[in-house]
Amino acid sequence: MILKLLKNRLKTNPLTTQMMIAGTISGSGDCVAQYWTGNKTWDKVRTARFAFLASCFMVPTVNVWYKLLDKLQGSTKLGLVVKRVMIDQLCFSPVFNAAMLFNLRFLQFQSAEKSIEMLKEDWFNIWTSSLKVWPTVALINFYFMPIQYRITINQIVSFFWNSYLSYSTQKPIDHIEQFY
């Protein structure tokens, strides 16, 4: 019943449905990260930040990216999939990870300068860690999944990835430069 409803929603309103799924999964991943780190109280603002970033930045960006990758041509299915994975992981992933980290810090009310400084500290570790997970997900996605399910598959894996990302990026901030 739920899968049928989800399938219908992905056909009729794919972007909105993917945004709702992403926000829910990302927020849940942050809750798990908070629990793992022993937070005594639930930081609802932090969870909302992760949910917002996933649903309003990640999904629309990746949606457009997957449509662009789907236009690539190849002589064999496997060759095309390998091409898509290589372009995805070597061209898109480094820039996307940097944008996610910058936006996350910006949503924490860090100044642009502080966001960039923190991005420089975290980016390489996050990106190299992503290379241990996402190429396999991309390979499965591009080989087996129709385009309308790829972001949903990403979000299932993202539950664990976002828990890691939340844990890795939520170190205490010594000096918060506020916008106001």
N, C-alpha and C. Protein backbone atom coordinates (compact mmCIF):
# COMPACT_ATOMS: atom_id res chain seq x y z
N MET A 1 0.82 -1.19 0.00
CA MET A 1 0.00 0.00 0.00
C MET A 1 0.87 1.26 0.00
N ILE A 2 1.81 1.35 0.94
CA ILE A 2 2.68 2.53 1.03
C ILE A 2 3.58 2.63 -0.19
N LEU A 3 4.12 1.48 -0.64
CA LEU A 3 4.98 1.51 -1.81
C LEU A 3 4.21 1.92 -3.07
N LYS A 4 2.97 1.48 -3.17
CA LYS A 4 2.14 1.87 -4.32
C LYS A 4 1.88 3.37 -4.30
N LEU A 5 1.57 3.90 -3.13
CA LEU A 5 1.35 5.34 -2.97
C LEU A 5 2.62 6.11 -3.33
N LEU A 6 3.76 5.64 -2.83
CA LEU A 6 5.04 6.29 -3.14
C LEU A 6 5.33 6.26 -4.63
N LYS A 7 5.11 5.12 -5.26
CA LYS A 7 5.33 4.98 -6.70
C LYS A 7 4.46 5.97 -7.48
N ASN A 8 3.19 6.08 -7.09
CA ASN A 8 2.28 7.02 -7.75
C ASN A 8 2.72 8.46 -7.54
N ARG A 9 3.13 8.80 -6.31
CA ARG A 9 3.60 10.16 -6.02
C ARG A 9 4.87 10.48 -6.81
N LEU A 10 5.76 9.50 -6.95
CA LEU A 10 6.98 9.72 -7.73
C LEU A 10 6.68 9.93 -9.21
N LYS A 11 5.58 9.37 -9.69
CA LYS A 11 5.19 9.59 -11.08
C LYS A 11 4.53 10.95 -11.26
N THR A 12 3.63 11.32 -10.33
CA THR A 12 2.86 12.54 -10.50
C THR A 12 3.59 13.79 -10.01
N ASN A 13 4.30 13.71 -8.91
CA ASN A 13 5.04 14.84 -8.32
C ASN A 13 6.42 14.39 -7.86
N PRO A 14 7.30 14.04 -8.79
CA PRO A 14 8.57 13.46 -8.37
C PRO A 14 9.43 14.38 -7.50
N LEU A 15 9.56 15.63 -7.88
CA LEU A 15 10.45 16.52 -7.14
C LEU A 15 9.94 16.78 -5.72
N THR A 16 8.66 17.10 -5.59
CA THR A 16 8.08 17.36 -4.27
C THR A 16 8.17 16.11 -3.39
N THR A 17 7.87 14.96 -3.96
CA THR A 17 7.94 13.71 -3.20
C THR A 17 9.36 13.43 -2.74
N GLN A 18 10.32 13.61 -3.64
CA GLN A 18 11.72 13.39 -3.29
C GLN A 18 12.18 14.38 -2.23
N MET A 19 11.70 15.61 -2.29
CA MET A 19 12.07 16.61 -1.29
C MET A 19 11.53 16.21 0.08
N MET A 20 10.30 15.72 0.13
CA MET A 20 9.72 15.30 1.42
C MET A 20 10.48 14.10 1.99
N ILE A 21 10.78 13.14 1.14
CA ILE A 21 11.52 11.95 1.58
C ILE A 21 12.90 12.36 2.08
N ALA A 22 13.58 13.21 1.34
CA ALA A 22 14.93 13.64 1.71
C ALA A 22 14.94 14.38 3.04
N GLY A 23 14.00 15.28 3.23
CA GLY A 23 13.94 16.02 4.48
C GLY A 23 13.71 15.11 5.67
N THR A 24 12.82 14.15 5.49
CA THR A 24 12.51 13.20 6.56
C THR A 24 13.72 12.33 6.89
N ILE A 25 14.35 11.78 5.87
CA ILE A 25 15.49 10.90 6.09
C ILE A 25 16.68 11.67 6.64
N SER A 26 16.94 12.84 6.11
CA SER A 26 18.08 13.63 6.59
C SER A 26 17.87 14.06 8.04
N GLY A 27 16.69 14.51 8.35
CA GLY A 27 16.39 14.88 9.73
C GLY A 27 16.54 13.69 10.66
N SER A 28 16.08 12.53 10.21
CA SER A 28 16.22 11.31 11.02
C SER A 28 17.69 10.95 11.22
N GLY A 29 18.48 11.11 10.16
CA GLY A 29 19.92 10.84 10.27
C GLY A 29 20.58 11.74 11.29
N ASP A 30 20.16 13.00 11.34
CA ASP A 30 20.71 13.91 12.34
C ASP A 30 20.28 13.50 13.74
N CYS A 31 19.05 13.07 13.90
CA CYS A 31 18.58 12.59 15.22
C CYS A 31 19.43 11.42 15.69
N VAL A 32 19.73 10.49 14.79
CA VAL A 32 20.57 9.34 15.13
C VAL A 32 21.96 9.83 15.54
N ALA A 33 22.52 10.77 14.78
CA ALA A 33 23.85 11.30 15.11
C ALA A 33 23.84 11.96 16.48
N GLN A 34 22.80 12.70 16.78
CA GLN A 34 22.72 13.33 18.10
C GLN A 34 22.64 12.28 19.20
N TYR A 35 21.90 11.24 18.97
CA TYR A 35 21.78 10.16 19.95
C TYR A 35 23.13 9.47 20.15
N TRP A 36 23.82 9.15 19.03
CA TRP A 36 25.11 8.47 19.09
C TRP A 36 26.14 9.27 19.87
N THR A 37 26.07 10.58 19.73
CA THR A 37 27.07 11.43 20.40
C THR A 37 26.68 11.75 21.84
N GLY A 38 25.56 11.20 22.29
CA GLY A 38 25.18 11.36 23.68
C GLY A 38 24.56 12.68 24.04
N ASN A 39 24.00 13.39 23.05
CA ASN A 39 23.31 14.65 23.37
C ASN A 39 22.19 14.37 24.36
N LYS A 40 22.17 15.14 25.43
CA LYS A 40 21.13 14.96 26.46
C LYS A 40 19.79 15.53 26.02
N THR A 41 19.84 16.59 25.22
CA THR A 41 18.61 17.19 24.71
C THR A 41 18.67 17.19 23.18
N TRP A 42 17.53 17.08 22.59
CA TRP A 42 17.44 17.04 21.13
C TRP A 42 17.50 18.47 20.61
N ASP A 43 18.47 18.74 19.75
CA ASP A 43 18.62 20.05 19.11
C ASP A 43 17.73 20.07 17.87
N LYS A 44 16.52 20.56 18.03
CA LYS A 44 15.54 20.57 16.94
C LYS A 44 15.95 21.48 15.79
N VAL A 45 16.63 22.58 16.13
CA VAL A 45 17.08 23.51 15.08
C VAL A 45 18.12 22.84 14.20
N ARG A 46 19.03 22.11 14.81
CA ARG A 46 20.05 21.38 14.05
C ARG A 46 19.38 20.36 13.12
N THR A 47 18.40 19.63 13.63
CA THR A 47 17.69 18.64 12.81
C THR A 47 16.96 19.34 11.66
N ALA A 48 16.32 20.45 11.95
CA ALA A 48 15.61 21.20 10.91
C ALA A 48 16.58 21.69 9.84
N ARG A 49 17.76 22.11 10.27
CA ARG A 49 18.79 22.59 9.33
C ARG A 49 19.16 21.48 8.35
N PHE A 50 19.40 20.27 8.86
CA PHE A 50 19.76 19.15 7.99
C PHE A 50 18.59 18.78 7.07
N ALA A 51 17.39 18.76 7.61
CA ALA A 51 16.21 18.43 6.79
C ALA A 51 16.01 19.46 5.68
N PHE A 52 16.14 20.73 6.02
CA PHE A 52 15.98 21.80 5.04
C PHE A 52 17.05 21.71 3.96
N LEU A 53 18.29 21.50 4.36
CA LEU A 53 19.39 21.43 3.40
C LEU A 53 19.18 20.27 2.42
N ALA A 54 18.76 19.13 2.93
CA ALA A 54 18.53 17.97 2.06
C ALA A 54 17.37 18.21 1.10
N SER A 55 16.26 18.71 1.65
CA SER A 55 15.08 18.84 0.81
C SER A 55 15.12 20.03 -0.14
N CYS A 56 15.68 21.14 0.30
CA CYS A 56 15.62 22.37 -0.51
C CYS A 56 16.88 22.67 -1.30
N PHE A 57 17.99 22.03 -0.98
CA PHE A 57 19.21 22.23 -1.76
C PHE A 57 19.64 20.94 -2.46
N MET A 58 19.78 19.87 -1.69
CA MET A 58 20.32 18.64 -2.24
C MET A 58 19.42 18.05 -3.32
N VAL A 59 18.15 17.85 -3.02
CA VAL A 59 17.26 17.19 -3.98
C VAL A 59 17.12 17.97 -5.29
N PRO A 60 16.82 19.27 -5.26
CA PRO A 60 16.71 19.98 -6.55
C PRO A 60 18.02 19.94 -7.35
N THR A 61 19.15 20.06 -6.66
CA THR A 61 20.44 20.03 -7.36
C THR A 61 20.71 18.67 -7.98
N VAL A 62 20.55 17.62 -7.20
CA VAL A 62 20.81 16.26 -7.70
C VAL A 62 19.79 15.88 -8.77
N ASN A 63 18.56 16.34 -8.63
CA ASN A 63 17.54 16.07 -9.64
C ASN A 63 17.98 16.60 -11.01
N VAL A 64 18.43 17.83 -11.05
CA VAL A 64 18.91 18.41 -12.30
C VAL A 64 20.15 17.66 -12.80
N TRP A 65 21.05 17.34 -11.88
CA TRP A 65 22.29 16.64 -12.24
C TRP A 65 21.98 15.27 -12.87
N TYR A 66 21.07 14.52 -12.27
CA TYR A 66 20.73 13.20 -12.82
C TYR A 66 20.09 13.32 -14.20
N LYS A 67 19.31 14.34 -14.40
CA LYS A 67 18.73 14.54 -15.73
C LYS A 67 19.82 14.84 -16.77
N LEU A 68 20.82 15.62 -16.36
CA LEU A 68 21.94 15.89 -17.27
C LEU A 68 22.73 14.62 -17.56
N LEU A 69 23.03 13.85 -16.52
CA LEU A 69 23.77 12.60 -16.72
C LEU A 69 22.99 11.62 -17.59
N ASP A 70 21.69 11.65 -17.50
CA ASP A 70 20.86 10.73 -18.28
C ASP A 70 20.94 11.02 -19.78
N LYS A 71 21.39 12.22 -20.13
CA LYS A 71 21.52 12.58 -21.55
C LYS A 71 22.81 12.06 -22.17
N LEU A 72 23.74 11.58 -21.35
CA LEU A 72 24.98 11.03 -21.89
C LEU A 72 24.70 9.81 -22.75
N GLN A 73 25.51 9.62 -23.74
CA GLN A 73 25.38 8.48 -24.65
C GLN A 73 26.57 7.55 -24.45
N GLY A 74 26.36 6.28 -24.73
CA GLY A 74 27.44 5.30 -24.65
C GLY A 74 27.15 4.15 -25.58
N SER A 75 28.20 3.42 -25.96
CA SER A 75 28.00 2.31 -26.89
C SER A 75 27.48 1.06 -26.19
N THR A 76 27.80 0.88 -24.90
CA THR A 76 27.28 -0.24 -24.13
C THR A 76 26.71 0.30 -22.82
N LYS A 77 25.80 -0.47 -22.24
CA LYS A 77 25.19 -0.04 -20.97
C LYS A 77 26.25 0.08 -19.88
N LEU A 78 27.13 -0.90 -19.79
CA LEU A 78 28.16 -0.87 -18.76
C LEU A 78 29.11 0.31 -18.98
N GLY A 79 29.50 0.55 -20.23
CA GLY A 79 30.37 1.69 -20.53
C GLY A 79 29.72 3.01 -20.17
N LEU A 80 28.43 3.13 -20.45
CA LEU A 80 27.69 4.35 -20.12
C LEU A 80 27.59 4.53 -18.60
N VAL A 81 27.34 3.45 -17.89
CA VAL A 81 27.24 3.51 -16.43
C VAL A 81 28.58 3.93 -15.83
N VAL A 82 29.67 3.35 -16.30
CA VAL A 82 31.00 3.70 -15.79
C VAL A 82 31.29 5.17 -16.07
N LYS A 83 30.94 5.63 -17.27
CA LYS A 83 31.13 7.04 -17.61
C LYS A 83 30.35 7.95 -16.66
N ARG A 84 29.10 7.60 -16.40
CA ARG A 84 28.26 8.40 -15.49
C ARG A 84 28.83 8.41 -14.07
N VAL A 85 29.26 7.25 -13.60
CA VAL A 85 29.82 7.18 -12.24
C VAL A 85 31.10 8.01 -12.15
N MET A 86 31.95 7.92 -13.13
CA MET A 86 33.22 8.68 -13.11
C MET A 86 32.95 10.19 -13.12
N ILE A 87 32.08 10.63 -14.00
CA ILE A 87 31.76 12.06 -14.06
C ILE A 87 31.09 12.50 -12.76
N ASP A 88 30.18 11.68 -12.26
CA ASP A 88 29.47 12.00 -11.03
C ASP A 88 30.44 12.13 -9.85
N GLN A 89 31.34 11.18 -9.70
CA GLN A 89 32.20 11.14 -8.52
C GLN A 89 33.42 12.05 -8.63
N LEU A 90 33.92 12.27 -9.81
CA LEU A 90 35.14 13.08 -9.96
C LEU A 90 34.86 14.54 -10.30
N CYS A 91 33.71 14.83 -10.88
CA CYS A 91 33.39 16.22 -11.25
C CYS A 91 32.33 16.82 -10.33
N PHE A 92 31.22 16.13 -10.18
CA PHE A 92 30.10 16.67 -9.42
C PHE A 92 30.31 16.55 -7.90
N SER A 93 30.71 15.38 -7.45
CA SER A 93 30.81 15.11 -6.02
C SER A 93 31.70 16.09 -5.24
N PRO A 94 32.90 16.42 -5.73
CA PRO A 94 33.72 17.36 -4.95
C PRO A 94 33.07 18.73 -4.81
N VAL A 95 32.48 19.21 -5.87
CA VAL A 95 31.83 20.53 -5.84
C VAL A 95 30.56 20.47 -4.99
N PHE A 96 29.79 19.41 -5.14
CA PHE A 96 28.56 19.26 -4.39
C PHE A 96 28.84 19.15 -2.88
N ASN A 97 29.85 18.36 -2.52
CA ASN A 97 30.21 18.25 -1.10
C ASN A 97 30.64 19.60 -0.54
N ALA A 98 31.39 20.35 -1.30
CA ALA A 98 31.81 21.69 -0.85
C ALA A 98 30.59 22.59 -0.67
N ALA A 99 29.67 22.56 -1.61
CA ALA A 99 28.47 23.39 -1.51
C ALA A 99 27.62 22.98 -0.32
N MET A 100 27.49 21.69 -0.08
CA MET A 100 26.72 21.22 1.08
C MET A 100 27.36 21.71 2.38
N LEU A 101 28.66 21.57 2.49
CA LEU A 101 29.34 21.99 3.71
C LEU A 101 29.24 23.50 3.92
N PHE A 102 29.43 24.26 2.84
CA PHE A 102 29.30 25.72 2.95
C PHE A 102 27.89 26.10 3.39
N ASN A 103 26.89 25.53 2.73
CA ASN A 103 25.50 25.86 3.06
C ASN A 103 25.14 25.43 4.47
N LEU A 104 25.67 24.30 4.91
CA LEU A 104 25.41 23.86 6.28
C LEU A 104 25.93 24.88 7.28
N ARG A 105 27.14 25.34 7.08
CA ARG A 105 27.72 26.35 7.99
C ARG A 105 26.96 27.67 7.89
N PHE A 106 26.58 28.03 6.69
CA PHE A 106 25.84 29.27 6.49
C PHE A 106 24.50 29.21 7.23
N LEU A 107 23.87 28.04 7.20
CA LEU A 107 22.61 27.86 7.92
C LEU A 107 22.81 27.85 9.45
N GLN A 108 24.05 27.69 9.87
CA GLN A 108 24.38 27.79 11.29
C GLN A 108 24.67 29.25 11.67
N PHE A 109 24.37 30.14 10.75
CA PHE A 109 24.57 31.58 10.93
C PHE A 109 26.05 31.96 11.01
N GLN A 110 26.88 31.21 10.33
CA GLN A 110 28.28 31.57 10.20
C GLN A 110 28.39 32.61 9.09
N SER A 111 29.36 33.47 9.20
CA SER A 111 29.62 34.41 8.11
C SER A 111 30.14 33.63 6.90
N ALA A 112 30.12 34.24 5.75
CA ALA A 112 30.65 33.58 4.55
C ALA A 112 32.12 33.24 4.74
N GLU A 113 32.87 34.15 5.35
CA GLU A 113 34.30 33.91 5.58
C GLU A 113 34.52 32.72 6.51
N LYS A 114 33.77 32.66 7.60
CA LYS A 114 33.90 31.55 8.55
C LYS A 114 33.43 30.25 7.91
N SER A 115 32.37 30.31 7.11
CA SER A 115 31.88 29.12 6.41
C SER A 115 32.94 28.57 5.48
N ILE A 116 33.63 29.45 4.77
CA ILE A 116 34.70 29.01 3.87
C ILE A 116 35.87 28.44 4.66
N GLU A 117 36.22 29.08 5.75
CA GLU A 117 37.32 28.58 6.60
C GLU A 117 36.99 27.16 7.11
N MET A 118 35.78 26.96 7.57
CA MET A 118 35.39 25.64 8.07
C MET A 118 35.27 24.63 6.94
N LEU A 119 34.86 25.08 5.77
CA LEU A 119 34.81 24.23 4.59
C LEU A 119 36.22 23.70 4.28
N LYS A 120 37.20 24.57 4.33
CA LYS A 120 38.58 24.16 4.06
C LYS A 120 39.06 23.11 5.06
N GLU A 121 38.59 23.20 6.30
CA GLU A 121 38.98 22.22 7.32
C GLU A 121 38.33 20.86 7.10
N ASP A 122 37.08 20.84 6.66
CA ASP A 122 36.29 19.61 6.60
C ASP A 122 36.21 18.94 5.24
N TRP A 123 36.35 19.71 4.18
CA TRP A 123 36.00 19.22 2.85
C TRP A 123 36.75 17.95 2.44
N PHE A 124 38.07 17.95 2.52
CA PHE A 124 38.83 16.81 2.00
C PHE A 124 38.45 15.52 2.71
N ASN A 125 38.33 15.56 4.01
CA ASN A 125 37.95 14.36 4.77
C ASN A 125 36.55 13.88 4.38
N ILE A 126 35.62 14.81 4.26
CA ILE A 126 34.25 14.43 3.88
C ILE A 126 34.23 13.86 2.46
N TRP A 127 34.90 14.54 1.53
CA TRP A 127 34.88 14.06 0.14
C TRP A 127 35.55 12.69 0.01
N THR A 128 36.72 12.51 0.62
CA THR A 128 37.39 11.21 0.51
C THR A 128 36.57 10.12 1.20
N SER A 129 35.91 10.46 2.28
CA SER A 129 35.01 9.48 2.92
C SER A 129 33.85 9.15 2.00
N SER A 130 33.34 10.14 1.28
CA SER A 130 32.22 9.89 0.37
C SER A 130 32.61 8.93 -0.74
N LEU A 131 33.89 8.93 -1.11
CA LEU A 131 34.36 8.03 -2.17
C LEU A 131 34.35 6.57 -1.74
N LYS A 132 34.21 6.32 -0.45
CA LYS A 132 34.12 4.95 0.05
C LYS A 132 32.69 4.42 -0.02
N VAL A 133 31.73 5.32 -0.23
CA VAL A 133 30.31 4.94 -0.21
C VAL A 133 29.63 5.18 -1.54
N TRP A 134 29.72 6.40 -2.04
CA TRP A 134 28.85 6.83 -3.12
C TRP A 134 29.16 6.27 -4.51
N PRO A 135 30.40 5.91 -4.85
CA PRO A 135 30.58 5.29 -6.18
C PRO A 135 29.80 3.98 -6.33
N THR A 136 29.74 3.18 -5.27
CA THR A 136 28.98 1.93 -5.33
C THR A 136 27.49 2.22 -5.47
N VAL A 137 27.00 3.20 -4.71
CA VAL A 137 25.59 3.58 -4.80
C VAL A 137 25.30 4.10 -6.21
N ALA A 138 26.18 4.92 -6.74
CA ALA A 138 25.99 5.47 -8.09
C ALA A 138 25.98 4.35 -9.13
N LEU A 139 26.88 3.40 -8.99
CA LEU A 139 26.94 2.28 -9.93
C LEU A 139 25.62 1.50 -9.93
N ILE A 140 25.12 1.19 -8.74
CA ILE A 140 23.84 0.48 -8.63
C ILE A 140 22.71 1.34 -9.19
N ASN A 141 22.71 2.61 -8.83
CA ASN A 141 21.67 3.53 -9.29
C ASN A 141 21.63 3.64 -10.81
N PHE A 142 22.78 3.91 -11.41
CA PHE A 142 22.82 4.14 -12.85
C PHE A 142 22.61 2.85 -13.65
N TYR A 143 22.95 1.71 -13.08
CA TYR A 143 22.81 0.47 -13.81
C TYR A 143 21.40 -0.12 -13.69
N PHE A 144 20.83 -0.06 -12.47
CA PHE A 144 19.58 -0.78 -12.23
C PHE A 144 18.34 0.10 -12.07
N MET A 145 18.51 1.34 -11.64
CA MET A 145 17.35 2.14 -11.25
C MET A 145 16.88 3.10 -12.34
N PRO A 146 15.56 3.14 -12.57
CA PRO A 146 15.02 4.19 -13.44
C PRO A 146 15.27 5.55 -12.77
N ILE A 147 15.36 6.58 -13.55
CA ILE A 147 15.74 7.89 -13.05
C ILE A 147 14.84 8.39 -11.91
N GLN A 148 13.54 8.08 -11.95
CA GLN A 148 12.64 8.61 -10.92
C GLN A 148 12.89 7.99 -9.54
N TYR A 149 13.64 6.90 -9.45
CA TYR A 149 13.91 6.27 -8.15
C TYR A 149 15.33 6.55 -7.63
N ARG A 150 16.17 7.16 -8.42
CA ARG A 150 17.57 7.33 -8.03
C ARG A 150 17.75 8.19 -6.78
N ILE A 151 17.04 9.28 -6.70
CA ILE A 151 17.19 10.15 -5.52
C ILE A 151 16.65 9.43 -4.29
N THR A 152 15.59 8.67 -4.44
CA THR A 152 15.05 7.92 -3.30
C THR A 152 16.06 6.88 -2.82
N ILE A 153 16.70 6.18 -3.73
CA ILE A 153 17.75 5.23 -3.36
C ILE A 153 18.88 5.97 -2.65
N ASN A 154 19.27 7.11 -3.19
CA ASN A 154 20.30 7.92 -2.52
C ASN A 154 19.89 8.26 -1.10
N GLN A 155 18.62 8.59 -0.91
CA GLN A 155 18.16 9.00 0.41
C GLN A 155 18.16 7.85 1.40
N ILE A 156 17.92 6.64 0.94
CA ILE A 156 17.99 5.49 1.84
C ILE A 156 19.42 5.34 2.36
N VAL A 157 20.39 5.43 1.46
CA VAL A 157 21.80 5.37 1.88
C VAL A 157 22.15 6.62 2.67
N SER A 158 21.54 7.74 2.30
CA SER A 158 21.82 9.01 2.98
C SER A 158 21.44 9.00 4.45
N PHE A 159 20.52 8.14 4.84
CA PHE A 159 20.20 8.06 6.27
C PHE A 159 21.48 7.84 7.07
N PHE A 160 22.29 6.89 6.61
CA PHE A 160 23.54 6.58 7.31
C PHE A 160 24.61 7.63 7.01
N TRP A 161 24.68 8.06 5.75
CA TRP A 161 25.66 9.07 5.38
C TRP A 161 25.40 10.38 6.13
N ASN A 162 24.14 10.79 6.20
CA ASN A 162 23.82 12.04 6.89
C ASN A 162 24.09 11.95 8.38
N SER A 163 23.93 10.76 8.94
CA SER A 163 24.31 10.57 10.35
C SER A 163 25.80 10.83 10.51
N TYR A 164 26.59 10.26 9.60
CA TYR A 164 28.04 10.49 9.62
C TYR A 164 28.35 11.96 9.39
N LEU A 165 27.72 12.56 8.39
CA LEU A 165 27.98 13.96 8.06
C LEU A 165 27.59 14.87 9.23
N SER A 166 26.46 14.60 9.82
CA SER A 166 26.03 15.38 10.97
C SER A 166 27.03 15.25 12.11
N TYR A 167 27.46 14.04 12.37
CA TYR A 167 28.43 13.80 13.43
C TYR A 167 29.76 14.51 13.12
N SER A 168 30.20 14.43 11.87
CA SER A 168 31.50 14.99 11.48
C SER A 168 31.53 16.51 11.45
N THR A 169 30.40 17.13 11.19
CA THR A 169 30.40 18.59 11.00
C THR A 169 29.86 19.35 12.19
N GLN A 170 29.48 18.68 13.24
CA GLN A 170 28.86 19.38 14.37
C GLN A 170 29.79 19.51 15.57
N LYS A 171 31.06 19.76 15.29
CA LYS A 171 32.01 20.03 16.36
C LYS A 171 31.64 21.37 17.01
N PRO A 172 32.00 21.55 18.25
CA PRO A 172 31.74 22.86 18.86
C PRO A 172 32.44 23.96 18.06
N ILE A 173 31.77 25.06 17.91
CA ILE A 173 32.30 26.18 17.16
C ILE A 173 32.83 27.20 18.17
N ASP A 174 34.15 27.46 18.11
CA ASP A 174 34.79 28.34 19.08
C ASP A 174 34.26 29.76 19.02
N HIS A 175 34.09 30.25 17.81
CA HIS A 175 33.70 31.64 17.66
C HIS A 175 32.64 31.73 16.58
N ILE A 176 31.44 32.08 16.97
CA ILE A 176 30.35 32.17 16.01
C ILE A 176 30.20 33.63 15.59
N GLU A 177 30.38 33.85 14.30
CA GLU A 177 30.18 35.18 13.74
C GLU A 177 28.76 35.22 13.20
N GLN A 178 27.91 35.95 13.83
CA GLN A 178 26.51 36.02 13.46
C GLN A 178 26.30 37.06 12.35
N PHE A 179 25.21 36.89 11.63
CA PHE A 179 24.84 37.87 10.60
C PHE A 179 24.35 39.16 11.23
N TYR A 180 23.77 39.07 12.39
CA TYR A 180 23.16 40.24 13.00
C TYR A 180 23.90 40.67 14.23
